[in-house]
Amino acid sequence: MNEHQPMESWVEETVSTEKIFHGKVITLQVDTVKLPNGGTSTREIVKHPGAAAVMALVDGKLLVVEQYRKALEKFQIEIPAGKLDGAEDPILAAARELEEETGYKADKLKLVSAFFTSPGFADEKLYLYFADQLTLGEKNPDEDEFLDVQAITYEQAEAYIEEGRISDAKTILAVYAWQLYRLTGSI
């Protein structure tokens, strides 16, 4: 850190914004920014409404879904998650996604953490919740979702991380939070 200049002076001022793409899930814009040294640069920014995910335990096992991820061109095992609908409360989105994807309803959800997934180019904020008091209902995935629901042991989760079958940040964070829960009994 530069001792002669406060960090506040490093803020990049937006000079202009060009909307490039507006899709169902994201928008892409290119901002021209004024740099702290007086120069200008561009920033490609993905705007996202945010998402919610659930680390749900049933009978001591983690509920996950396996699905094909086109961006990676492979199947992935992940905790249930989905984007927020507009200004939807993240806890409501978490409950909705858990039920839609797995058929389980949570009696209570507890916030574990909220974090930005890729702050270098995107504003997506993901809210991770914990639930261990579940009731089985009926699965109702979105029409374009094809999911295999599984309940896995901690050892399976570790193995899937090692194999790359679990490789997304939210699920890896959930597995590490699960490890802490197993050691301490609290989240």
N, C-alpha and C. Protein backbone atom coordinates (compact mmCIF):
# COMPACT_ATOMS: atom_id res chain seq x y z
N MET A 1 0.85 -1.18 0.00
CA MET A 1 0.00 0.00 0.00
C MET A 1 0.89 1.24 0.00
N ASN A 2 0.55 2.24 -0.78
CA ASN A 2 1.29 3.49 -0.87
C ASN A 2 1.02 4.33 0.37
N GLU A 3 2.08 4.66 1.12
CA GLU A 3 1.91 5.40 2.38
C GLU A 3 1.56 6.86 2.16
N HIS A 4 1.81 7.41 0.97
CA HIS A 4 1.62 8.84 0.73
C HIS A 4 0.24 9.17 0.18
N GLN A 5 -0.53 8.16 -0.15
CA GLN A 5 -1.82 8.40 -0.78
C GLN A 5 -2.89 7.55 -0.10
N PRO A 6 -3.95 8.16 0.46
CA PRO A 6 -5.00 7.34 1.08
C PRO A 6 -5.72 6.50 0.02
N MET A 7 -6.16 5.31 0.42
CA MET A 7 -6.82 4.40 -0.52
C MET A 7 -8.05 5.02 -1.16
N GLU A 8 -8.76 5.91 -0.46
CA GLU A 8 -9.95 6.54 -1.02
C GLU A 8 -9.63 7.23 -2.34
N SER A 9 -8.40 7.70 -2.51
CA SER A 9 -8.03 8.38 -3.75
C SER A 9 -7.83 7.40 -4.89
N TRP A 10 -7.89 6.10 -4.62
CA TRP A 10 -7.73 5.08 -5.65
C TRP A 10 -9.06 4.67 -6.29
N VAL A 11 -10.15 5.27 -5.85
CA VAL A 11 -11.46 4.95 -6.39
C VAL A 11 -11.49 5.32 -7.87
N GLU A 12 -12.06 4.41 -8.68
CA GLU A 12 -12.18 4.66 -10.11
C GLU A 12 -13.53 5.30 -10.40
N GLU A 13 -13.52 6.49 -10.96
CA GLU A 13 -14.74 7.22 -11.28
C GLU A 13 -15.24 6.76 -12.66
N THR A 14 -16.53 6.44 -12.74
CA THR A 14 -17.12 6.03 -14.02
C THR A 14 -17.33 7.26 -14.90
N VAL A 15 -16.75 7.21 -16.09
CA VAL A 15 -16.91 8.29 -17.06
C VAL A 15 -18.10 8.00 -17.97
N SER A 16 -18.22 6.74 -18.41
CA SER A 16 -19.35 6.34 -19.26
C SER A 16 -19.60 4.85 -19.12
N THR A 17 -20.82 4.44 -19.46
CA THR A 17 -21.21 3.03 -19.42
C THR A 17 -21.87 2.68 -20.74
N GLU A 18 -21.41 1.58 -21.34
CA GLU A 18 -22.02 1.07 -22.57
C GLU A 18 -22.62 -0.30 -22.27
N LYS A 19 -23.95 -0.40 -22.43
CA LYS A 19 -24.62 -1.69 -22.24
C LYS A 19 -24.36 -2.55 -23.47
N ILE A 20 -23.80 -3.74 -23.27
CA ILE A 20 -23.44 -4.63 -24.36
C ILE A 20 -24.48 -5.73 -24.57
N PHE A 21 -24.98 -6.29 -23.46
CA PHE A 21 -25.88 -7.44 -23.54
C PHE A 21 -26.80 -7.45 -22.34
N HIS A 22 -28.07 -7.79 -22.58
CA HIS A 22 -29.04 -7.95 -21.49
C HIS A 22 -29.72 -9.30 -21.69
N GLY A 23 -29.42 -10.24 -20.80
CA GLY A 23 -29.98 -11.59 -20.92
C GLY A 23 -30.93 -11.92 -19.81
N LYS A 24 -31.30 -13.19 -19.75
CA LYS A 24 -32.23 -13.70 -18.74
C LYS A 24 -31.60 -13.69 -17.33
N VAL A 25 -30.31 -13.94 -17.26
CA VAL A 25 -29.62 -14.04 -15.97
C VAL A 25 -28.68 -12.88 -15.71
N ILE A 26 -27.96 -12.44 -16.73
CA ILE A 26 -26.94 -11.41 -16.54
C ILE A 26 -27.08 -10.29 -17.56
N THR A 27 -26.44 -9.17 -17.25
CA THR A 27 -26.20 -8.13 -18.23
C THR A 27 -24.70 -7.87 -18.25
N LEU A 28 -24.23 -7.41 -19.39
CA LEU A 28 -22.81 -7.10 -19.54
C LEU A 28 -22.69 -5.65 -19.95
N GLN A 29 -21.83 -4.94 -19.27
CA GLN A 29 -21.58 -3.54 -19.62
C GLN A 29 -20.09 -3.29 -19.65
N VAL A 30 -19.69 -2.27 -20.41
CA VAL A 30 -18.30 -1.85 -20.44
C VAL A 30 -18.28 -0.42 -19.92
N ASP A 31 -17.58 -0.23 -18.80
CA ASP A 31 -17.45 1.10 -18.21
C ASP A 31 -16.10 1.69 -18.58
N THR A 32 -16.10 2.95 -18.95
CA THR A 32 -14.85 3.70 -19.08
C THR A 32 -14.66 4.39 -17.74
N VAL A 33 -13.49 4.22 -17.14
CA VAL A 33 -13.23 4.77 -15.81
C VAL A 33 -12.02 5.69 -15.83
N LYS A 34 -12.08 6.67 -14.94
CA LYS A 34 -10.94 7.56 -14.73
C LYS A 34 -10.09 6.94 -13.62
N LEU A 35 -8.83 6.72 -13.90
CA LEU A 35 -7.92 6.08 -12.96
C LEU A 35 -7.35 7.10 -11.97
N PRO A 36 -6.86 6.63 -10.84
CA PRO A 36 -6.27 7.53 -9.84
C PRO A 36 -5.12 8.38 -10.38
N ASN A 37 -4.42 7.90 -11.40
CA ASN A 37 -3.30 8.66 -11.97
C ASN A 37 -3.74 9.63 -13.05
N GLY A 38 -5.08 9.74 -13.29
CA GLY A 38 -5.59 10.66 -14.29
C GLY A 38 -5.88 10.03 -15.63
N GLY A 39 -5.36 8.86 -15.87
CA GLY A 39 -5.61 8.16 -17.13
C GLY A 39 -6.99 7.52 -17.13
N THR A 40 -7.31 6.86 -18.24
CA THR A 40 -8.58 6.16 -18.33
C THR A 40 -8.33 4.70 -18.72
N SER A 41 -9.33 3.88 -18.43
CA SER A 41 -9.27 2.47 -18.78
C SER A 41 -10.71 1.97 -18.93
N THR A 42 -10.85 0.72 -19.36
CA THR A 42 -12.19 0.14 -19.46
C THR A 42 -12.30 -1.04 -18.49
N ARG A 43 -13.52 -1.25 -18.04
CA ARG A 43 -13.84 -2.37 -17.14
C ARG A 43 -15.05 -3.09 -17.72
N GLU A 44 -14.88 -4.38 -17.99
CA GLU A 44 -16.00 -5.22 -18.45
C GLU A 44 -16.66 -5.77 -17.20
N ILE A 45 -17.96 -5.48 -17.03
CA ILE A 45 -18.65 -5.81 -15.79
C ILE A 45 -19.90 -6.64 -16.08
N VAL A 46 -20.00 -7.76 -15.39
CA VAL A 46 -21.19 -8.60 -15.44
C VAL A 46 -22.07 -8.20 -14.26
N LYS A 47 -23.31 -7.81 -14.56
CA LYS A 47 -24.29 -7.47 -13.52
C LYS A 47 -25.19 -8.69 -13.32
N HIS A 48 -25.38 -9.05 -12.05
CA HIS A 48 -26.15 -10.24 -11.70
C HIS A 48 -27.05 -9.91 -10.52
N PRO A 49 -28.29 -10.43 -10.49
CA PRO A 49 -29.20 -10.08 -9.41
C PRO A 49 -28.84 -10.66 -8.04
N GLY A 50 -27.87 -11.56 -7.99
CA GLY A 50 -27.52 -12.23 -6.75
C GLY A 50 -28.11 -13.62 -6.72
N ALA A 51 -27.68 -14.41 -5.76
CA ALA A 51 -28.12 -15.80 -5.67
C ALA A 51 -28.15 -16.25 -4.22
N ALA A 52 -28.81 -17.37 -4.01
CA ALA A 52 -28.87 -17.98 -2.67
C ALA A 52 -28.63 -19.47 -2.82
N ALA A 53 -27.98 -20.05 -1.82
CA ALA A 53 -27.66 -21.48 -1.82
C ALA A 53 -27.91 -22.02 -0.42
N VAL A 54 -28.10 -23.35 -0.35
CA VAL A 54 -28.40 -23.97 0.93
C VAL A 54 -27.51 -25.17 1.17
N MET A 55 -26.84 -25.15 2.32
CA MET A 55 -26.10 -26.29 2.84
C MET A 55 -27.10 -27.04 3.72
N ALA A 56 -27.76 -28.03 3.12
CA ALA A 56 -28.84 -28.74 3.80
C ALA A 56 -28.38 -30.13 4.20
N LEU A 57 -28.55 -30.46 5.48
CA LEU A 57 -28.18 -31.77 5.99
C LEU A 57 -29.43 -32.57 6.32
N VAL A 58 -29.46 -33.79 5.82
CA VAL A 58 -30.55 -34.70 6.12
C VAL A 58 -29.93 -36.02 6.56
N ASP A 59 -30.27 -36.45 7.77
CA ASP A 59 -29.70 -37.67 8.36
C ASP A 59 -28.17 -37.65 8.32
N GLY A 60 -27.60 -36.50 8.60
CA GLY A 60 -26.14 -36.36 8.66
C GLY A 60 -25.45 -36.32 7.31
N LYS A 61 -26.22 -36.23 6.23
CA LYS A 61 -25.65 -36.17 4.88
C LYS A 61 -26.02 -34.85 4.22
N LEU A 62 -25.16 -34.42 3.30
CA LEU A 62 -25.35 -33.16 2.59
C LEU A 62 -26.19 -33.38 1.33
N LEU A 63 -27.26 -32.60 1.19
CA LEU A 63 -28.07 -32.66 -0.03
C LEU A 63 -27.35 -31.92 -1.14
N VAL A 64 -27.18 -32.59 -2.27
CA VAL A 64 -26.54 -31.98 -3.44
C VAL A 64 -27.34 -32.36 -4.68
N VAL A 65 -27.08 -31.64 -5.73
CA VAL A 65 -27.66 -31.96 -7.03
C VAL A 65 -26.52 -32.10 -8.03
N GLU A 66 -26.65 -33.08 -8.90
CA GLU A 66 -25.67 -33.23 -9.98
C GLU A 66 -26.36 -32.80 -11.26
N GLN A 67 -25.68 -31.94 -12.00
CA GLN A 67 -26.25 -31.45 -13.25
C GLN A 67 -25.15 -31.10 -14.23
N TYR A 68 -25.52 -31.05 -15.49
CA TYR A 68 -24.56 -30.70 -16.54
C TYR A 68 -24.41 -29.19 -16.56
N ARG A 69 -23.17 -28.72 -16.55
CA ARG A 69 -22.88 -27.29 -16.60
C ARG A 69 -22.24 -26.98 -17.95
N LYS A 70 -23.00 -26.36 -18.82
CA LYS A 70 -22.56 -26.07 -20.18
C LYS A 70 -21.28 -25.24 -20.21
N ALA A 71 -21.18 -24.24 -19.33
CA ALA A 71 -19.99 -23.38 -19.33
C ALA A 71 -18.71 -24.18 -19.09
N LEU A 72 -18.82 -25.28 -18.35
CA LEU A 72 -17.66 -26.13 -18.05
C LEU A 72 -17.60 -27.36 -18.94
N GLU A 73 -18.70 -27.63 -19.67
CA GLU A 73 -18.81 -28.82 -20.52
C GLU A 73 -18.61 -30.11 -19.72
N LYS A 74 -19.19 -30.13 -18.51
CA LYS A 74 -19.12 -31.34 -17.69
C LYS A 74 -20.19 -31.32 -16.61
N PHE A 75 -20.40 -32.48 -16.00
CA PHE A 75 -21.31 -32.60 -14.87
C PHE A 75 -20.64 -32.08 -13.61
N GLN A 76 -21.42 -31.46 -12.76
CA GLN A 76 -20.93 -30.94 -11.48
C GLN A 76 -21.89 -31.34 -10.38
N ILE A 77 -21.35 -31.55 -9.20
CA ILE A 77 -22.14 -31.80 -8.00
C ILE A 77 -22.09 -30.51 -7.18
N GLU A 78 -23.27 -29.98 -6.87
CA GLU A 78 -23.36 -28.69 -6.18
C GLU A 78 -24.47 -28.73 -5.14
N ILE A 79 -24.38 -27.82 -4.19
CA ILE A 79 -25.49 -27.64 -3.26
C ILE A 79 -26.62 -26.92 -4.00
N PRO A 80 -27.87 -27.08 -3.56
CA PRO A 80 -28.99 -26.39 -4.21
C PRO A 80 -28.80 -24.87 -4.16
N ALA A 81 -29.05 -24.23 -5.30
CA ALA A 81 -28.85 -22.78 -5.39
C ALA A 81 -29.60 -22.23 -6.59
N GLY A 82 -29.78 -20.93 -6.57
CA GLY A 82 -30.39 -20.26 -7.71
C GLY A 82 -30.38 -18.77 -7.53
N LYS A 83 -30.68 -18.07 -8.62
CA LYS A 83 -30.62 -16.61 -8.60
C LYS A 83 -31.83 -16.02 -7.90
N LEU A 84 -31.63 -14.82 -7.39
CA LEU A 84 -32.71 -14.07 -6.78
C LEU A 84 -33.62 -13.53 -7.89
N ASP A 85 -34.90 -13.54 -7.65
CA ASP A 85 -35.86 -12.97 -8.60
C ASP A 85 -36.10 -11.51 -8.22
N GLY A 86 -35.52 -10.61 -8.98
CA GLY A 86 -35.66 -9.17 -8.70
C GLY A 86 -35.11 -8.82 -7.34
N ALA A 87 -35.91 -8.16 -6.53
CA ALA A 87 -35.48 -7.73 -5.20
C ALA A 87 -35.87 -8.76 -4.14
N GLU A 88 -35.98 -10.01 -4.53
CA GLU A 88 -36.38 -11.09 -3.62
C GLU A 88 -35.44 -11.19 -2.42
N ASP A 89 -36.00 -11.43 -1.26
CA ASP A 89 -35.22 -11.65 -0.04
C ASP A 89 -34.41 -12.95 -0.23
N PRO A 90 -33.09 -12.91 -0.01
CA PRO A 90 -32.27 -14.10 -0.23
C PRO A 90 -32.72 -15.33 0.55
N ILE A 91 -33.24 -15.16 1.76
CA ILE A 91 -33.67 -16.32 2.55
C ILE A 91 -34.89 -17.00 1.90
N LEU A 92 -35.74 -16.20 1.27
CA LEU A 92 -36.89 -16.77 0.56
C LEU A 92 -36.44 -17.50 -0.71
N ALA A 93 -35.44 -16.94 -1.38
CA ALA A 93 -34.89 -17.59 -2.58
C ALA A 93 -34.23 -18.92 -2.19
N ALA A 94 -33.51 -18.93 -1.07
CA ALA A 94 -32.85 -20.15 -0.61
C ALA A 94 -33.89 -21.24 -0.33
N ALA A 95 -34.95 -20.88 0.38
CA ALA A 95 -36.01 -21.85 0.69
C ALA A 95 -36.66 -22.35 -0.59
N ARG A 96 -36.93 -21.45 -1.53
CA ARG A 96 -37.56 -21.81 -2.80
C ARG A 96 -36.67 -22.77 -3.59
N GLU A 97 -35.39 -22.44 -3.72
CA GLU A 97 -34.47 -23.27 -4.50
C GLU A 97 -34.28 -24.65 -3.87
N LEU A 98 -34.19 -24.70 -2.55
CA LEU A 98 -34.05 -25.99 -1.86
C LEU A 98 -35.23 -26.89 -2.20
N GLU A 99 -36.44 -26.34 -2.09
CA GLU A 99 -37.63 -27.15 -2.37
C GLU A 99 -37.75 -27.51 -3.85
N GLU A 100 -37.52 -26.52 -4.73
CA GLU A 100 -37.64 -26.80 -6.16
C GLU A 100 -36.66 -27.89 -6.61
N GLU A 101 -35.42 -27.80 -6.14
CA GLU A 101 -34.38 -28.69 -6.64
C GLU A 101 -34.33 -30.04 -5.94
N THR A 102 -34.72 -30.10 -4.65
CA THR A 102 -34.56 -31.35 -3.90
C THR A 102 -35.87 -31.93 -3.38
N GLY A 103 -36.90 -31.10 -3.29
CA GLY A 103 -38.16 -31.55 -2.70
C GLY A 103 -38.22 -31.34 -1.20
N TYR A 104 -37.13 -30.90 -0.58
CA TYR A 104 -37.12 -30.70 0.87
C TYR A 104 -37.47 -29.26 1.23
N LYS A 105 -38.21 -29.13 2.34
CA LYS A 105 -38.53 -27.82 2.92
C LYS A 105 -37.74 -27.69 4.21
N ALA A 106 -37.20 -26.52 4.43
CA ALA A 106 -36.45 -26.25 5.65
C ALA A 106 -37.35 -25.61 6.68
N ASP A 107 -37.33 -26.14 7.91
CA ASP A 107 -38.09 -25.52 9.00
C ASP A 107 -37.47 -24.18 9.37
N LYS A 108 -36.14 -24.09 9.23
CA LYS A 108 -35.42 -22.89 9.62
C LYS A 108 -34.16 -22.80 8.78
N LEU A 109 -33.82 -21.61 8.32
CA LEU A 109 -32.57 -21.36 7.58
C LEU A 109 -31.73 -20.38 8.37
N LYS A 110 -30.43 -20.65 8.43
CA LYS A 110 -29.51 -19.76 9.13
C LYS A 110 -28.44 -19.29 8.15
N LEU A 111 -28.20 -18.00 8.11
CA LEU A 111 -27.18 -17.45 7.22
C LEU A 111 -25.79 -17.87 7.69
N VAL A 112 -25.04 -18.48 6.79
CA VAL A 112 -23.66 -18.88 7.08
C VAL A 112 -22.72 -17.75 6.66
N SER A 113 -22.92 -17.26 5.44
CA SER A 113 -22.06 -16.22 4.89
C SER A 113 -22.70 -15.64 3.65
N ALA A 114 -22.30 -14.43 3.31
CA ALA A 114 -22.67 -13.82 2.03
C ALA A 114 -21.35 -13.33 1.43
N PHE A 115 -21.17 -13.61 0.14
CA PHE A 115 -19.89 -13.28 -0.48
C PHE A 115 -20.06 -12.99 -1.96
N PHE A 116 -19.11 -12.25 -2.51
CA PHE A 116 -19.10 -11.95 -3.93
C PHE A 116 -18.34 -13.06 -4.64
N THR A 117 -18.93 -13.59 -5.71
CA THR A 117 -18.36 -14.76 -6.37
C THR A 117 -17.13 -14.45 -7.21
N SER A 118 -17.12 -13.34 -7.91
CA SER A 118 -15.99 -12.97 -8.79
C SER A 118 -15.89 -11.45 -8.88
N PRO A 119 -15.45 -10.77 -7.81
CA PRO A 119 -15.50 -9.31 -7.77
C PRO A 119 -14.60 -8.60 -8.78
N GLY A 120 -13.72 -9.34 -9.44
CA GLY A 120 -12.88 -8.70 -10.46
C GLY A 120 -13.65 -8.30 -11.69
N PHE A 121 -14.81 -8.94 -11.93
CA PHE A 121 -15.58 -8.60 -13.13
C PHE A 121 -17.10 -8.73 -12.95
N ALA A 122 -17.57 -9.19 -11.79
CA ALA A 122 -19.00 -9.38 -11.61
C ALA A 122 -19.44 -8.87 -10.23
N ASP A 123 -20.73 -8.46 -10.16
CA ASP A 123 -21.26 -7.97 -8.88
C ASP A 123 -22.15 -8.99 -8.19
N GLU A 124 -22.14 -10.26 -8.64
CA GLU A 124 -22.99 -11.28 -8.03
C GLU A 124 -22.62 -11.50 -6.56
N LYS A 125 -23.63 -11.38 -5.70
CA LYS A 125 -23.47 -11.68 -4.28
C LYS A 125 -24.26 -12.93 -3.99
N LEU A 126 -23.62 -13.91 -3.37
CA LEU A 126 -24.27 -15.18 -3.07
C LEU A 126 -24.44 -15.31 -1.55
N TYR A 127 -25.64 -15.70 -1.15
CA TYR A 127 -25.98 -15.89 0.26
C TYR A 127 -26.04 -17.39 0.52
N LEU A 128 -25.22 -17.86 1.46
CA LEU A 128 -25.17 -19.28 1.80
C LEU A 128 -25.88 -19.50 3.13
N TYR A 129 -26.89 -20.38 3.11
CA TYR A 129 -27.68 -20.70 4.30
C TYR A 129 -27.44 -22.14 4.72
N PHE A 130 -27.74 -22.40 6.00
CA PHE A 130 -27.63 -23.74 6.58
C PHE A 130 -29.01 -24.18 7.06
N ALA A 131 -29.31 -25.46 6.83
CA ALA A 131 -30.56 -26.05 7.33
C ALA A 131 -30.31 -27.50 7.69
N ASP A 132 -30.83 -27.93 8.84
CA ASP A 132 -30.72 -29.34 9.21
C ASP A 132 -32.03 -29.90 9.77
N GLN A 133 -33.07 -29.09 9.71
CA GLN A 133 -34.41 -29.55 10.09
C GLN A 133 -35.27 -29.49 8.84
N LEU A 134 -35.35 -30.63 8.16
CA LEU A 134 -35.99 -30.68 6.85
C LEU A 134 -37.19 -31.61 6.83
N THR A 135 -38.13 -31.28 5.96
CA THR A 135 -39.30 -32.11 5.73
C THR A 135 -39.35 -32.39 4.24
N LEU A 136 -39.56 -33.66 3.88
CA LEU A 136 -39.63 -34.01 2.47
C LEU A 136 -40.97 -33.62 1.88
N GLY A 137 -40.89 -32.87 0.79
CA GLY A 137 -42.08 -32.46 0.05
C GLY A 137 -41.97 -33.00 -1.36
N GLU A 138 -42.20 -32.12 -2.33
CA GLU A 138 -42.15 -32.55 -3.73
C GLU A 138 -41.20 -31.67 -4.53
N LYS A 139 -40.31 -32.32 -5.27
CA LYS A 139 -39.34 -31.64 -6.13
C LYS A 139 -40.08 -31.00 -7.29
N ASN A 140 -39.66 -29.79 -7.68
CA ASN A 140 -40.30 -29.08 -8.78
C ASN A 140 -39.26 -28.20 -9.49
N PRO A 141 -38.30 -28.81 -10.19
CA PRO A 141 -37.24 -28.01 -10.83
C PRO A 141 -37.78 -27.15 -11.97
N ASP A 142 -37.03 -26.11 -12.33
CA ASP A 142 -37.38 -25.28 -13.47
C ASP A 142 -37.42 -26.17 -14.72
N GLU A 143 -38.15 -25.73 -15.72
CA GLU A 143 -38.33 -26.56 -16.92
C GLU A 143 -37.04 -26.84 -17.67
N ASP A 144 -36.01 -26.01 -17.46
CA ASP A 144 -34.73 -26.25 -18.14
C ASP A 144 -33.67 -26.84 -17.21
N GLU A 145 -34.09 -27.33 -16.04
CA GLU A 145 -33.17 -27.96 -15.08
C GLU A 145 -33.36 -29.47 -15.07
N PHE A 146 -32.27 -30.19 -15.23
CA PHE A 146 -32.29 -31.64 -15.16
C PHE A 146 -31.30 -32.03 -14.07
N LEU A 147 -31.82 -32.44 -12.92
CA LEU A 147 -31.02 -32.62 -11.72
C LEU A 147 -31.15 -34.02 -11.16
N ASP A 148 -30.05 -34.54 -10.65
CA ASP A 148 -30.06 -35.78 -9.90
C ASP A 148 -29.76 -35.41 -8.45
N VAL A 149 -30.72 -35.62 -7.57
CA VAL A 149 -30.57 -35.27 -6.15
C VAL A 149 -29.88 -36.42 -5.43
N GLN A 150 -28.90 -36.07 -4.60
CA GLN A 150 -28.17 -37.06 -3.82
C GLN A 150 -27.98 -36.54 -2.40
N ALA A 151 -27.83 -37.45 -1.46
CA ALA A 151 -27.42 -37.12 -0.09
C ALA A 151 -26.07 -37.80 0.10
N ILE A 152 -25.02 -37.01 0.30
CA ILE A 152 -23.67 -37.57 0.35
C ILE A 152 -23.05 -37.41 1.74
N THR A 153 -22.15 -38.32 2.04
CA THR A 153 -21.42 -38.25 3.31
C THR A 153 -20.31 -37.21 3.19
N TYR A 154 -19.77 -36.85 4.34
CA TYR A 154 -18.65 -35.91 4.35
C TYR A 154 -17.46 -36.49 3.57
N GLU A 155 -17.22 -37.77 3.74
CA GLU A 155 -16.10 -38.41 3.04
C GLU A 155 -16.32 -38.40 1.53
N GLN A 156 -17.55 -38.61 1.10
CA GLN A 156 -17.84 -38.51 -0.34
C GLN A 156 -17.60 -37.09 -0.84
N ALA A 157 -18.02 -36.09 -0.07
CA ALA A 157 -17.81 -34.70 -0.46
C ALA A 157 -16.32 -34.41 -0.63
N GLU A 158 -15.51 -34.86 0.32
CA GLU A 158 -14.06 -34.66 0.21
C GLU A 158 -13.52 -35.33 -1.06
N ALA A 159 -13.96 -36.55 -1.32
CA ALA A 159 -13.50 -37.27 -2.50
C ALA A 159 -13.94 -36.56 -3.78
N TYR A 160 -15.17 -36.04 -3.81
CA TYR A 160 -15.67 -35.34 -4.99
C TYR A 160 -14.89 -34.04 -5.24
N ILE A 161 -14.47 -33.37 -4.17
CA ILE A 161 -13.63 -32.18 -4.34
C ILE A 161 -12.29 -32.61 -4.95
N GLU A 162 -11.70 -33.66 -4.41
CA GLU A 162 -10.42 -34.17 -4.92
C GLU A 162 -10.52 -34.56 -6.39
N GLU A 163 -11.64 -35.17 -6.78
CA GLU A 163 -11.85 -35.62 -8.16
C GLU A 163 -12.26 -34.50 -9.10
N GLY A 164 -12.62 -33.33 -8.56
CA GLY A 164 -13.09 -32.23 -9.39
C GLY A 164 -14.57 -32.31 -9.72
N ARG A 165 -15.28 -33.24 -9.14
CA ARG A 165 -16.73 -33.33 -9.37
C ARG A 165 -17.45 -32.23 -8.60
N ILE A 166 -16.87 -31.81 -7.48
CA ILE A 166 -17.29 -30.59 -6.77
C ILE A 166 -16.15 -29.62 -6.98
N SER A 167 -16.44 -28.52 -7.69
CA SER A 167 -15.35 -27.56 -7.94
C SER A 167 -15.82 -26.11 -7.92
N ASP A 168 -17.07 -25.86 -7.55
CA ASP A 168 -17.55 -24.49 -7.44
C ASP A 168 -17.35 -23.97 -6.03
N ALA A 169 -17.13 -22.67 -5.92
CA ALA A 169 -16.78 -22.05 -4.64
C ALA A 169 -17.87 -22.23 -3.58
N LYS A 170 -19.14 -22.08 -3.95
CA LYS A 170 -20.20 -22.16 -2.93
C LYS A 170 -20.27 -23.53 -2.30
N THR A 171 -20.09 -24.58 -3.11
CA THR A 171 -20.17 -25.94 -2.57
C THR A 171 -18.93 -26.28 -1.76
N ILE A 172 -17.77 -25.85 -2.23
CA ILE A 172 -16.54 -26.08 -1.45
C ILE A 172 -16.63 -25.35 -0.11
N LEU A 173 -17.12 -24.11 -0.12
CA LEU A 173 -17.30 -23.37 1.13
C LEU A 173 -18.28 -24.10 2.04
N ALA A 174 -19.35 -24.63 1.47
CA ALA A 174 -20.34 -25.37 2.27
C ALA A 174 -19.71 -26.62 2.89
N VAL A 175 -18.87 -27.32 2.16
CA VAL A 175 -18.22 -28.52 2.69
C VAL A 175 -17.28 -28.13 3.84
N TYR A 176 -16.55 -27.04 3.70
CA TYR A 176 -15.68 -26.59 4.79
C TYR A 176 -16.48 -26.12 6.00
N ALA A 177 -17.63 -25.47 5.76
CA ALA A 177 -18.51 -25.09 6.87
C ALA A 177 -19.08 -26.34 7.54
N TRP A 178 -19.37 -27.35 6.75
CA TRP A 178 -19.86 -28.62 7.28
C TRP A 178 -18.80 -29.27 8.16
N GLN A 179 -17.56 -29.19 7.72
CA GLN A 179 -16.46 -29.74 8.54
C GLN A 179 -16.41 -29.03 9.89
N LEU A 180 -16.53 -27.72 9.89
CA LEU A 180 -16.55 -26.94 11.14
C LEU A 180 -17.75 -27.35 12.01
N TYR A 181 -18.89 -27.54 11.38
CA TYR A 181 -20.10 -27.96 12.08
C TYR A 181 -19.89 -29.33 12.72
N ARG A 182 -19.26 -30.23 11.99
CA ARG A 182 -19.01 -31.58 12.53
C ARG A 182 -18.07 -31.53 13.73
N LEU A 183 -17.12 -30.58 13.71
CA LEU A 183 -16.15 -30.49 14.81
C LEU A 183 -16.70 -29.75 16.04
N THR A 184 -17.54 -28.73 15.80
CA THR A 184 -17.98 -27.88 16.90
C THR A 184 -19.46 -28.00 17.24
N GLY A 185 -20.26 -28.51 16.30
CA GLY A 185 -21.70 -28.61 16.52
C GLY A 185 -22.44 -27.33 16.26
N SER A 186 -21.75 -26.30 15.74
CA SER A 186 -22.44 -25.05 15.42
C SER A 186 -21.92 -24.45 14.12
N ILE A 187 -22.73 -23.59 13.57
CA ILE A 187 -22.38 -22.88 12.32
C ILE A 187 -22.17 -21.43 12.68
